[in-house]
Amino acid sequence: MTKIELYDTTLRDGMQGEGMSLSAPEKLRVAHRLDHLGIDVIEAGFPSSNPKELELFDLLAEETFEHASIAAFGMTRRRDSAAPDDPGLRVLAGCFAPVCTVVGKTWGLHLEKVVKVSREENLRMIADSVAFLSSEGKRVIYDAEHFFDGFHDDPDYALRCLRAAAEAGAETVVCCDTNGGTLPDRLTVAMAAVVDSLGSIVSVGIHCHDDAGCGVANSIAGVQQGASHVQGTMNGYGERCGNANLVTIIPNLQLKLGYECLTEEQLTNLTPTAHFVDELLNFNPDSFQPYVGRNAFAHKGGMHVAGVSADPATFEHVDPEVVGNRREVLISELSGKGTVHARARDAGLVLEDEEAGAVVERVKELEHRGYHFEAADGSFELLLRKETGDYEPLFTLESWRAIVEKRADGRVETEATIKIWVDGERYVRTAEGNGPVNALDRALREALAQTHPRLRDIDLVNFKVRILDEAKGTGAVTRVLLDTSDGEEVWGTIGVSENIIESSWEALVDSLEYGMLRVERRAGRGTTAPAT
């Protein structure tokens, strides 16, 4: 079975898509989820290109990854300069990342109209850059930009560009369909030529975009011609129409064609990982996405339901549980129990099948109301505990109130008052904030400070709001997702209500309750907290 190296560029190429934005701590969470999934190389971006990237590389340098290697991305040296003197290459050489991915030109059109260098100088730029980074102890991946357009224009020169990188020390040369307009038949011819010419001396990779709707098909075609390295993004994020979608590529290669991409256990994390990244970006997961969408294995028609009841293969091309998804039919009351049992074990809980079934039904009920727990791991564990009777609230609520006052001078004042009971004692606290959620957070912390002093170590780090039914305007149901950190891990919590402050309160309380569970675990009164 041929092993395929999986290269994820969500944090760099994916972020170039419209509406894509993650903070450095959020990118770190994505990196850990990709590592847990089994991605081999995670491209983090340009080190020091902007303050956010600088912060991300500082964070990554302090982290340990079980499987993945981190790649820093950059370009070949500038024209008419030496590679060791190039500022960008020096940053790559000096950063902690063990892998450096360097992109260079292949197509004559770009040489003439963009970089304005001769073909021979371009070859020297490629070779010098790869050789320099290789001499600095880096694993070098060379991305041949616009390779297929260049190959169509001048096959011999396109191959010379790849050979220059290979002979200079690149461990992998990657053929990039940068414009995304190549069709599979033309790509197949080019990849066959590359593998025939260079496959014996260097690993060959494929990097596709989806402008012609062929990103996944082209990536698979590249592998079938001998590529052993595949680049893409989670959920196909990327500029214009997006990059090739690893979420679809991986199961197609592994389940349909027999290539080795992930372990069986890792493959079951595909759906949760795809949805996690969507939720972190505040996107609705695509219900129709192959393999991981909510509708990918949903059956509504009577003939279909009857068919899958007799034999799932009648209307399902793979077992949904293999990719971490589940069948959606009315009779599948056992759907999802395996996932519940696994999450319960992570939380140190042991569930009977009847209890797991009750959790599944409760999750379905809540999801119908707008909840989604993919990026709300804290709320999901609390749900497990509530459904199994292993739940102790931090307090009992009597009431809360938030007042927002807009003044004539333009100032906005916000004040919140909460009344709660803890261990039979009543606490009333009032606090001001820069908004109702901030004021409620401050008031609640003040009320709990005496009984739970470790709450001071827990901070809210992100706040996202999504309107679920836009047609209802200001009366729409609102979903709030909070990210919270104790300095070691980040967890998500969720709230759903027609009242945005109530949604926020629900997510806020979950965030603090889950945070205190983590404190108790570290104190030795529970199991080790699961990774986010």
Protein backbone atom coordinates (compact mmCIF):
# COMPACT_ATOMS: atom_id res chain seq x y z
CA MET A 1 0.00 0.00 0.00
CA THR A 2 1.52 3.34 -1.08
CA LYS A 3 1.85 5.95 1.68
CA ILE A 4 0.67 9.45 0.78
CA GLU A 5 2.16 12.45 2.56
CA LEU A 6 -0.64 14.86 3.49
CA TYR A 7 0.23 18.56 3.43
CA ASP A 8 -2.31 21.02 4.81
CA THR A 9 -2.13 24.70 3.86
CA THR A 10 -5.33 25.89 5.55
CA LEU A 11 -3.46 28.32 7.81
CA ARG A 12 -1.78 30.04 4.86
CA ASP A 13 -3.39 29.41 1.48
CA GLY A 14 -6.81 28.75 3.03
CA MET A 15 -6.81 32.08 4.84
CA GLN A 16 -6.67 33.88 1.48
CA GLY A 17 -10.31 33.03 0.88
CA GLU A 18 -13.01 35.64 1.30
CA GLY A 19 -14.25 35.98 4.88
CA MET A 20 -11.42 33.87 6.30
CA SER A 21 -9.88 35.14 9.51
CA LEU A 22 -8.44 33.39 12.56
CA SER A 23 -6.42 34.79 15.42
CA ALA A 24 -3.02 33.30 16.21
CA PRO A 25 -4.39 31.28 19.18
CA GLU A 26 -7.21 29.99 16.96
CA LYS A 27 -4.71 28.94 14.31
CA LEU A 28 -2.83 27.09 17.02
CA ARG A 29 -6.01 25.18 17.89
CA VAL A 30 -6.45 24.27 14.23
CA ALA A 31 -2.84 23.06 14.04
CA HIS A 32 -3.37 20.73 16.99
CA ARG A 33 -6.57 19.35 15.48
CA LEU A 34 -4.79 18.73 12.17
CA ASP A 35 -2.00 16.98 14.04
CA HIS A 36 -4.53 14.81 15.85
CA LEU A 37 -6.18 14.00 12.52
CA GLY A 38 -2.87 12.72 11.18
CA ILE A 39 -1.77 15.45 8.76
CA ASP A 40 1.95 15.03 8.01
CA VAL A 41 2.95 18.63 7.27
CA ILE A 42 1.11 21.76 8.43
CA GLU A 43 1.99 24.93 6.55
CA ALA A 44 1.80 27.80 9.04
CA GLY A 45 2.48 30.68 6.66
CA PHE A 46 5.12 33.38 6.19
CA PRO A 47 7.08 33.80 9.43
CA SER A 48 7.29 37.45 10.52
CA SER A 49 5.32 38.72 7.52
CA ASN A 50 2.91 40.51 9.88
CA PRO A 51 2.28 40.71 13.65
CA LYS A 52 -0.27 37.87 13.59
CA GLU A 53 2.11 35.51 11.79
CA LEU A 54 4.92 36.49 14.16
CA GLU A 55 2.68 35.66 17.12
CA LEU A 56 1.66 32.34 15.56
CA PHE A 57 5.25 31.22 14.97
CA ASP A 58 6.16 32.24 18.52
CA LEU A 59 3.28 30.08 19.81
CA LEU A 60 4.12 27.15 17.54
CA ALA A 61 7.74 27.20 18.62
CA GLU A 62 6.65 26.38 22.17
CA GLU A 63 4.28 23.56 21.19
CA THR A 64 4.79 19.84 20.78
CA PHE A 65 3.08 17.96 17.98
CA GLU A 66 2.70 14.20 18.08
CA HIS A 67 2.74 13.60 14.34
CA ALA A 68 2.86 16.69 12.13
CA SER A 69 5.85 18.78 11.08
CA ILE A 70 5.41 22.55 10.80
CA ALA A 71 6.34 24.20 7.51
CA ALA A 72 7.26 27.84 6.98
CA PHE A 73 6.43 29.29 3.57
CA GLY A 74 8.46 31.68 1.45
CA MET A 75 9.66 32.54 -2.04
CA THR A 76 12.84 32.01 -3.99
CA ARG A 77 15.58 34.62 -3.65
CA ARG A 78 15.23 37.97 -5.31
CA ARG A 79 16.72 38.39 -8.75
CA ASP A 80 20.38 39.40 -8.97
CA SER A 81 21.04 38.69 -5.28
CA ALA A 82 22.67 35.89 -3.32
CA ALA A 83 20.42 33.48 -1.44
CA PRO A 84 22.22 33.93 1.94
CA ASP A 85 21.64 37.70 1.64
CA ASP A 86 17.94 37.45 0.82
CA PRO A 87 15.89 38.72 3.83
CA GLY A 88 13.02 36.32 3.25
CA LEU A 89 15.24 33.27 2.99
CA ARG A 90 17.19 34.28 6.08
CA VAL A 91 13.94 34.42 8.05
CA LEU A 92 13.05 30.93 6.82
CA ALA A 93 16.49 29.61 7.71
CA GLY A 94 16.33 31.15 11.18
CA CYS A 95 12.84 30.06 12.18
CA PHE A 96 12.12 26.95 14.26
CA ALA A 97 10.13 25.16 11.54
CA PRO A 98 11.93 22.03 10.31
CA VAL A 99 10.28 22.25 6.88
CA CYS A 100 10.55 25.17 4.47
CA THR A 101 8.28 25.38 1.44
CA VAL A 102 9.62 27.65 -1.28
CA VAL A 103 7.54 28.77 -4.24
CA GLY A 104 9.06 29.72 -7.57
CA LYS A 105 8.06 30.53 -11.11
CA THR A 106 7.61 28.04 -13.95
CA TRP A 107 5.55 29.79 -16.61
CA GLY A 108 7.25 32.02 -19.17
CA LEU A 109 4.37 34.50 -18.97
CA HIS A 110 5.24 35.26 -15.34
CA LEU A 111 8.96 35.46 -16.04
CA GLU A 112 8.36 38.03 -18.75
CA LYS A 113 5.63 40.14 -17.15
CA VAL A 114 5.89 39.69 -13.36
CA VAL A 115 9.39 38.90 -12.10
CA LYS A 116 11.05 40.04 -15.35
CA VAL A 117 13.98 37.65 -15.30
CA SER A 118 15.51 35.40 -17.90
CA ARG A 119 14.75 31.70 -17.89
CA GLU A 120 18.30 30.89 -16.89
CA GLU A 121 18.25 33.34 -13.98
CA ASN A 122 14.96 31.84 -12.80
CA LEU A 123 16.60 28.40 -12.73
CA ARG A 124 19.45 29.82 -10.66
CA MET A 125 16.99 31.49 -8.29
CA ILE A 126 15.29 28.14 -7.72
CA ALA A 127 18.50 26.16 -7.24
CA ASP A 128 20.23 28.75 -5.05
CA SER A 129 17.23 29.12 -2.73
CA VAL A 130 16.74 25.39 -2.26
CA ALA A 131 20.46 24.75 -1.79
CA PHE A 132 20.78 27.51 0.83
CA LEU A 133 17.89 26.28 2.94
CA SER A 134 19.03 22.69 2.60
CA SER A 135 22.52 23.68 3.79
CA GLU A 136 20.87 25.28 6.83
CA GLY A 137 19.44 21.89 7.80
CA LYS A 138 15.91 22.42 6.52
CA ARG A 139 13.73 19.89 4.77
CA VAL A 140 12.84 21.76 1.58
CA ILE A 141 9.64 21.40 -0.43
CA TYR A 142 9.61 23.24 -3.74
CA ASP A 143 6.25 24.48 -5.06
CA ALA A 144 6.37 25.05 -8.83
CA GLU A 145 3.81 27.82 -9.30
CA HIS A 146 1.64 27.67 -12.44
CA PHE A 147 3.37 24.42 -13.36
CA PHE A 148 0.66 23.09 -15.64
CA ASP A 149 0.30 26.34 -17.55
CA GLY A 150 4.07 26.38 -17.91
CA PHE A 151 4.15 22.74 -19.01
CA HIS A 152 1.50 23.42 -21.66
CA ASP A 153 3.55 26.39 -22.90
CA ASP A 154 7.02 24.78 -22.72
CA PRO A 155 7.24 21.23 -21.29
CA ASP A 156 11.03 21.05 -21.38
CA TYR A 157 11.50 24.26 -19.39
CA ALA A 158 8.83 23.33 -16.84
CA LEU A 159 10.67 20.07 -16.16
CA ARG A 160 14.01 21.91 -15.93
CA CYS A 161 12.53 24.06 -13.13
CA LEU A 162 11.62 20.97 -11.14
CA ARG A 163 14.97 19.34 -11.84
CA ALA A 164 16.81 22.44 -10.64
CA ALA A 165 15.04 22.18 -7.28
CA ALA A 166 15.53 18.42 -7.03
CA GLU A 167 19.25 18.54 -7.80
CA ALA A 168 19.73 21.40 -5.31
CA GLY A 169 18.39 19.28 -2.45
CA ALA A 170 14.60 19.55 -2.38
CA GLU A 171 13.01 16.46 -0.84
CA THR A 172 9.73 17.07 -2.72
CA VAL A 173 8.86 18.99 -5.88
CA VAL A 174 5.22 19.98 -6.14
CA CYS A 175 3.33 20.63 -9.37
CA CYS A 176 0.87 23.47 -8.74
CA ASP A 177 -2.27 24.20 -10.73
CA THR A 178 -2.24 27.76 -9.39
CA ASN A 179 -4.96 29.13 -11.67
CA GLY A 180 -7.11 26.05 -11.08
CA GLY A 181 -8.13 25.81 -14.73
CA THR A 182 -6.39 22.59 -15.77
CA LEU A 183 -8.65 19.65 -16.63
CA PRO A 184 -7.80 16.10 -15.53
CA ASP A 185 -6.78 14.81 -18.97
CA ARG A 186 -4.15 17.52 -19.48
CA LEU A 187 -2.96 17.24 -15.87
CA THR A 188 -2.56 13.48 -16.22
CA VAL A 189 -0.23 13.88 -19.21
CA ALA A 190 1.91 16.43 -17.39
CA MET A 191 2.14 14.43 -14.14
CA ALA A 192 3.09 11.29 -16.02
CA ALA A 193 5.96 13.20 -17.65
CA VAL A 194 7.14 14.58 -14.29
CA VAL A 195 7.13 11.21 -12.55
CA ASP A 196 8.85 9.56 -15.52
CA SER A 197 11.55 12.22 -15.56
CA LEU A 198 12.11 12.87 -11.85
CA GLY A 199 10.26 10.23 -9.86
CA SER A 200 13.40 8.15 -9.31
CA ILE A 201 15.34 11.00 -7.66
CA VAL A 202 12.75 13.05 -5.76
CA SER A 203 9.28 12.81 -4.26
CA VAL A 204 6.61 14.37 -6.49
CA GLY A 205 3.65 16.32 -5.13
CA ILE A 206 0.41 17.84 -6.40
CA HIS A 207 -1.23 21.16 -5.41
CA CYS A 208 -4.54 22.08 -7.05
CA HIS A 209 -7.09 24.86 -6.94
CA ASP A 210 -10.77 24.47 -7.74
CA ASP A 211 -11.50 27.22 -10.25
CA ALA A 212 -12.75 24.69 -12.82
CA GLY A 213 -14.36 22.48 -10.18
CA CYS A 214 -11.67 19.82 -10.64
CA GLY A 215 -9.44 20.39 -7.60
CA VAL A 216 -10.22 17.04 -5.98
CA ALA A 217 -10.31 15.11 -9.26
CA ASN A 218 -6.99 16.61 -10.34
CA SER A 219 -5.35 15.80 -7.02
CA ILE A 220 -6.47 12.18 -7.29
CA ALA A 221 -5.30 12.01 -10.90
CA GLY A 222 -1.90 13.32 -9.82
CA VAL A 223 -1.58 10.58 -7.21
CA GLN A 224 -2.63 7.94 -9.70
CA GLN A 225 0.21 9.08 -11.95
CA GLY A 226 2.74 8.66 -9.14
CA ALA A 227 2.56 11.70 -6.84
CA SER A 228 3.13 10.69 -3.21
CA HIS A 229 2.57 14.14 -1.66
CA VAL A 230 -0.80 15.93 -1.76
CA GLN A 231 -1.46 19.54 -0.74
CA GLY A 232 -4.86 20.99 0.07
CA THR A 233 -6.96 22.70 2.71
CA MET A 234 -9.67 21.72 5.13
CA ASN A 235 -13.11 22.05 3.55
CA GLY A 236 -11.51 23.45 0.38
CA TYR A 237 -10.89 26.92 1.81
CA GLY A 238 -8.83 29.24 -0.35
CA GLU A 239 -8.67 32.16 -2.71
CA ARG A 240 -11.28 32.56 -5.45
CA CYS A 241 -13.03 29.16 -5.70
CA GLY A 242 -10.80 27.57 -3.10
CA ASN A 243 -8.08 24.94 -2.90
CA ALA A 244 -8.41 21.21 -3.38
CA ASN A 245 -10.42 19.84 -0.48
CA LEU A 246 -8.39 17.44 1.67
CA VAL A 247 -11.57 16.37 3.46
CA THR A 248 -12.74 14.76 0.22
CA ILE A 249 -9.34 13.78 -1.16
CA ILE A 250 -8.29 11.73 1.88
CA PRO A 251 -11.21 9.26 2.00
CA ASN A 252 -11.27 8.97 -1.79
CA LEU A 253 -7.62 7.97 -1.85
CA GLN A 254 -7.84 5.67 1.15
CA LEU A 255 -11.28 4.08 0.87
CA LYS A 256 -11.69 4.01 -2.90
CA LEU A 257 -8.15 3.55 -4.20
CA GLY A 258 -6.32 1.80 -1.38
CA TYR A 259 -3.66 4.42 -0.64
CA GLU A 260 -2.44 4.83 2.93
CA CYS A 261 -3.26 8.31 4.24
CA LEU A 262 -4.47 7.97 7.85
CA THR A 263 -4.95 5.20 10.35
CA GLU A 264 -8.49 3.87 10.71
CA GLU A 265 -8.81 5.67 14.04
CA GLN A 266 -7.57 8.95 12.60
CA LEU A 267 -10.00 8.69 9.69
CA THR A 268 -12.93 8.63 12.15
CA ASN A 269 -11.83 12.15 13.20
CA LEU A 270 -12.37 13.52 9.70
CA THR A 271 -15.94 14.74 10.23
CA PRO A 272 -15.34 16.28 13.69
CA THR A 273 -12.20 18.04 12.43
CA ALA A 274 -13.90 19.45 9.33
CA HIS A 275 -16.79 20.78 11.41
CA PHE A 276 -14.47 22.11 14.12
CA VAL A 277 -12.61 24.32 11.66
CA ASP A 278 -15.89 25.54 10.13
CA GLU A 279 -17.29 26.46 13.53
CA LEU A 280 -14.07 28.18 14.59
CA LEU A 281 -14.35 30.34 11.48
CA ASN A 282 -18.00 31.01 12.33
CA PHE A 283 -19.13 29.23 9.14
CA ASN A 284 -22.08 26.89 8.84
CA PRO A 285 -20.64 23.47 7.99
CA ASP A 286 -21.65 22.55 4.45
CA SER A 287 -24.47 20.05 4.87
CA PHE A 288 -23.87 18.70 1.36
CA GLN A 289 -20.10 18.22 1.59
CA PRO A 290 -19.10 14.67 0.59
CA TYR A 291 -18.29 12.30 3.44
CA VAL A 292 -18.61 14.82 6.31
CA GLY A 293 -21.76 16.82 5.55
CA ARG A 294 -24.88 16.30 7.65
CA ASN A 295 -26.70 15.22 4.50
CA ALA A 296 -23.91 13.00 3.18
CA PHE A 297 -25.65 9.95 4.68
CA ALA A 298 -29.15 11.35 5.22
CA HIS A 299 -32.10 9.30 3.96
CA LYS A 300 -35.59 10.71 3.67
CA GLY A 301 -37.38 8.90 0.83
CA GLY A 302 -39.28 5.80 1.88
CA MET A 303 -37.51 3.56 -0.64
CA HIS A 304 -34.12 4.79 0.55
CA VAL A 305 -34.96 4.26 4.22
CA ALA A 306 -36.21 0.78 3.47
CA GLY A 307 -33.06 0.08 1.47
CA VAL A 308 -30.57 1.12 4.12
CA SER A 309 -32.60 -0.77 6.71
CA ALA A 310 -32.14 -3.95 4.71
CA ASP A 311 -28.52 -3.23 3.76
CA PRO A 312 -26.82 0.18 4.09
CA ALA A 313 -24.80 -0.49 0.93
CA THR A 314 -27.98 -0.03 -1.12
CA PHE A 315 -27.79 3.76 -0.75
CA GLU A 316 -24.44 4.45 0.96
CA HIS A 317 -21.12 4.24 -0.82
CA VAL A 318 -19.16 3.86 2.45
CA ASP A 319 -19.97 3.28 6.11
CA PRO A 320 -20.48 6.81 7.56
CA GLU A 321 -18.84 5.84 10.86
CA VAL A 322 -15.57 5.17 9.03
CA VAL A 323 -15.19 8.94 8.48
CA GLY A 324 -16.75 9.93 11.81
CA ASN A 325 -20.15 10.77 10.35
CA ARG A 326 -23.50 9.16 11.05
CA ARG A 327 -26.54 8.00 9.18
CA GLU A 328 -29.53 10.30 9.45
CA VAL A 329 -32.74 8.27 9.29
CA LEU A 330 -35.66 8.08 11.68
CA ILE A 331 -35.06 4.46 12.56
CA SER A 332 -31.34 4.89 13.35
CA GLU A 333 -31.80 5.53 17.06
CA LEU A 334 -28.41 3.89 17.72
CA SER A 335 -26.57 6.42 15.51
CA GLY A 336 -23.76 8.21 17.26
CA LYS A 337 -23.40 5.98 20.33
CA GLY A 338 -19.79 5.17 19.51
CA THR A 339 -18.90 8.84 19.45
CA VAL A 340 -20.68 9.45 22.75
CA HIS A 341 -18.87 6.55 24.40
CA ALA A 342 -15.53 7.84 23.13
CA ARG A 343 -16.17 11.38 24.38
CA ALA A 344 -17.36 10.02 27.70
CA ARG A 345 -14.13 8.05 28.12
CA ASP A 346 -12.13 11.21 27.41
CA ALA A 347 -14.07 12.90 30.21
CA GLY A 348 -13.48 10.04 32.64
CA LEU A 349 -17.08 8.85 32.45
CA VAL A 350 -18.45 5.38 31.86
CA LEU A 351 -21.83 5.25 30.12
CA GLU A 352 -24.24 2.40 29.69
CA ASP A 353 -25.67 1.97 26.19
CA GLU A 354 -29.04 3.26 27.40
CA GLU A 355 -27.39 6.43 28.74
CA ALA A 356 -25.43 6.92 25.50
CA GLY A 357 -28.65 6.56 23.54
CA ALA A 358 -30.28 9.20 25.72
CA VAL A 359 -27.37 11.56 25.04
CA VAL A 360 -27.69 10.98 21.29
CA GLU A 361 -31.38 11.81 21.38
CA ARG A 362 -30.72 14.90 23.49
CA VAL A 363 -28.05 16.07 21.05
CA LYS A 364 -30.44 15.60 18.12
CA GLU A 365 -33.10 17.60 19.94
CA LEU A 366 -30.68 20.42 20.72
CA GLU A 367 -29.22 20.48 17.21
CA HIS A 368 -32.73 20.88 15.86
CA ARG A 369 -32.97 24.04 17.98
CA GLY A 370 -29.68 25.38 16.60
CA TYR A 371 -26.96 23.91 18.78
CA HIS A 372 -23.82 22.45 17.22
CA PHE A 373 -21.21 20.94 19.48
CA GLU A 374 -18.32 20.48 17.02
CA ALA A 375 -16.43 23.51 18.36
CA ALA A 376 -18.15 23.51 21.77
CA ASP A 377 -16.29 20.70 23.44
CA GLY A 378 -16.80 22.21 26.91
CA SER A 379 -20.57 22.40 26.52
CA PHE A 380 -20.69 18.85 25.17
CA GLU A 381 -18.91 17.40 28.18
CA LEU A 382 -21.26 19.28 30.51
CA LEU A 383 -24.18 17.85 28.51
CA LEU A 384 -22.77 14.36 29.04
CA ARG A 385 -22.56 14.96 32.75
CA LYS A 386 -26.07 16.42 32.96
CA GLU A 387 -27.57 13.50 31.09
CA THR A 388 -25.76 10.93 33.25
CA GLY A 389 -26.29 12.60 36.63
CA ASP A 390 -22.59 13.39 37.14
CA TYR A 391 -23.06 17.16 37.15
CA GLU A 392 -22.74 19.70 39.94
CA PRO A 393 -23.45 23.32 39.01
CA LEU A 394 -21.21 26.07 40.32
CA PHE A 395 -24.26 27.93 41.59
CA THR A 396 -28.03 28.17 41.49
CA LEU A 397 -29.34 31.18 39.60
CA GLU A 398 -31.95 33.40 41.18
CA SER A 399 -31.84 36.11 38.51
CA TRP A 400 -29.64 38.32 36.39
CA ARG A 401 -30.25 41.71 34.81
CA ALA A 402 -28.30 43.76 32.28
CA ILE A 403 -28.86 47.48 31.65
CA VAL A 404 -27.43 49.33 28.65
CA GLU A 405 -27.76 53.11 28.64
CA LYS A 406 -26.94 55.32 25.65
CA ARG A 407 -26.29 58.92 26.67
CA ALA A 408 -26.63 62.15 24.75
CA ASP A 409 -22.86 62.64 24.70
CA GLY A 410 -22.44 59.35 22.84
CA ARG A 411 -21.21 57.32 25.79
CA VAL A 412 -22.67 53.86 26.35
CA GLU A 413 -22.82 52.58 29.92
CA THR A 414 -23.48 48.92 30.70
CA GLU A 415 -24.26 47.46 34.11
CA ALA A 416 -25.19 43.93 35.16
CA THR A 417 -26.57 42.55 38.40
CA ILE A 418 -26.70 38.88 39.29
CA LYS A 419 -28.28 37.04 42.21
CA ILE A 420 -27.08 33.50 42.82
CA TRP A 421 -26.94 30.88 45.58
CA VAL A 422 -23.78 28.93 46.43
CA ASP A 423 -23.78 26.33 49.21
CA GLY A 424 -26.91 27.81 50.74
CA GLU A 425 -25.62 31.37 50.77
CA ARG A 426 -27.04 34.16 48.62
CA TYR A 427 -24.71 36.41 46.60
CA VAL A 428 -25.73 39.65 44.91
CA ARG A 429 -23.18 41.44 42.79
CA THR A 430 -23.23 44.35 40.35
CA ALA A 431 -20.52 45.17 37.83
CA GLU A 432 -19.93 47.46 34.88
CA GLY A 433 -18.49 46.39 31.55
CA ASN A 434 -17.93 47.43 27.97
CA GLY A 435 -21.02 45.46 27.03
CA PRO A 436 -23.68 43.28 28.66
CA VAL A 437 -21.69 40.05 28.33
CA ASN A 438 -18.56 41.61 29.79
CA ALA A 439 -20.58 43.09 32.65
CA LEU A 440 -22.29 39.75 33.39
CA ASP A 441 -18.93 37.99 33.31
CA ARG A 442 -17.46 40.44 35.82
CA ALA A 443 -20.47 40.28 38.13
CA LEU A 444 -20.52 36.48 38.10
CA ARG A 445 -16.81 36.23 38.80
CA GLU A 446 -17.13 38.63 41.71
CA ALA A 447 -19.94 36.55 43.19
CA LEU A 448 -17.93 33.32 42.83
CA ALA A 449 -14.53 34.72 43.79
CA GLN A 450 -14.73 33.63 47.42
CA THR A 451 -15.81 30.04 46.77
CA HIS A 452 -13.92 29.54 43.50
CA PRO A 453 -10.77 31.71 43.56
CA ARG A 454 -9.20 29.80 40.64
CA LEU A 455 -11.69 31.43 38.27
CA ARG A 456 -9.18 34.26 38.05
CA ASP A 457 -7.01 31.96 35.93
CA ILE A 458 -9.76 31.49 33.33
CA ASP A 459 -10.17 34.08 30.56
CA LEU A 460 -12.58 34.49 27.67
CA VAL A 461 -10.51 34.74 24.49
CA ASN A 462 -13.13 34.86 21.73
CA PHE A 463 -16.80 35.67 21.22
CA LYS A 464 -18.73 34.82 18.06
CA VAL A 465 -22.36 35.35 17.15
CA ARG A 466 -24.33 33.77 14.33
CA ILE A 467 -27.91 34.47 13.28
CA LEU A 468 -29.58 31.13 12.50
CA ASP A 469 -32.79 32.22 10.78
CA GLU A 470 -32.09 35.54 9.07
CA ALA A 471 -35.60 35.80 7.65
CA LYS A 472 -36.94 36.68 11.12
CA GLY A 473 -34.77 39.79 11.38
CA THR A 474 -34.25 41.03 14.93
CA GLY A 475 -36.45 38.19 16.22
CA ALA A 476 -34.12 35.51 14.89
CA VAL A 477 -32.55 32.77 16.96
CA THR A 478 -28.95 33.61 17.85
CA ARG A 479 -26.08 31.19 18.46
CA VAL A 480 -23.15 32.35 20.59
CA LEU A 481 -19.84 30.52 20.64
CA LEU A 482 -17.27 31.41 23.30
CA ASP A 483 -13.64 30.33 23.43
CA THR A 484 -12.08 30.23 26.90
CA SER A 485 -8.55 29.51 28.08
CA ASP A 486 -6.80 28.65 31.32
CA GLY A 487 -3.40 29.38 29.83
CA GLU A 488 -2.85 25.75 28.87
CA GLU A 489 -5.81 24.76 26.70
CA VAL A 490 -8.66 26.50 24.90
CA TRP A 491 -12.21 25.13 24.94
CA GLY A 492 -15.46 26.16 23.31
CA THR A 493 -18.94 26.59 24.75
CA ILE A 494 -22.26 27.40 23.12
CA GLY A 495 -25.58 29.09 23.82
CA VAL A 496 -28.71 29.38 21.66
CA SER A 497 -31.70 31.66 22.22
CA GLU A 498 -33.85 34.30 20.57
CA ASN A 499 -32.26 36.66 23.11
CA ILE A 500 -28.59 37.29 22.35
CA ILE A 501 -27.75 38.08 25.98
CA GLU A 502 -29.39 34.85 27.16
CA SER A 503 -27.38 32.93 24.54
CA SER A 504 -24.24 34.62 25.80
CA TRP A 505 -25.09 33.90 29.44
CA GLU A 506 -25.59 30.21 28.69
CA ALA A 507 -22.24 29.95 26.91
CA LEU A 508 -20.56 32.01 29.64
CA VAL A 509 -21.77 29.77 32.47
CA ASP A 510 -20.69 26.65 30.56
CA SER A 511 -17.25 28.15 29.98
CA LEU A 512 -16.67 28.75 33.69
CA GLU A 513 -18.14 25.42 34.82
CA TYR A 514 -15.99 23.49 32.38
CA GLY A 515 -12.99 25.56 33.43
CA MET A 516 -13.50 24.57 37.05
CA LEU A 517 -13.75 20.90 36.00
CA ARG A 518 -10.29 21.28 34.51
CA VAL A 519 -9.02 22.84 37.74
CA GLU A 520 -10.34 19.86 39.71
CA ARG A 521 -8.70 17.41 37.30
CA ARG A 522 -5.33 19.06 37.65
CA ALA A 523 -5.76 18.96 41.41
CA GLY A 524 -6.07 15.18 41.13
CA ARG A 525 -9.81 14.85 41.72
CA GLY A 526 -10.60 13.70 38.20
CA THR A 527 -9.15 12.41 34.98
CA THR A 528 -6.80 14.29 32.73
CA ALA A 529 -8.57 16.97 30.70
CA PRO A 530 -9.04 16.01 27.07
CA ALA A 531 -7.16 17.91 24.41
CA THR A 532 -9.08 20.49 22.43
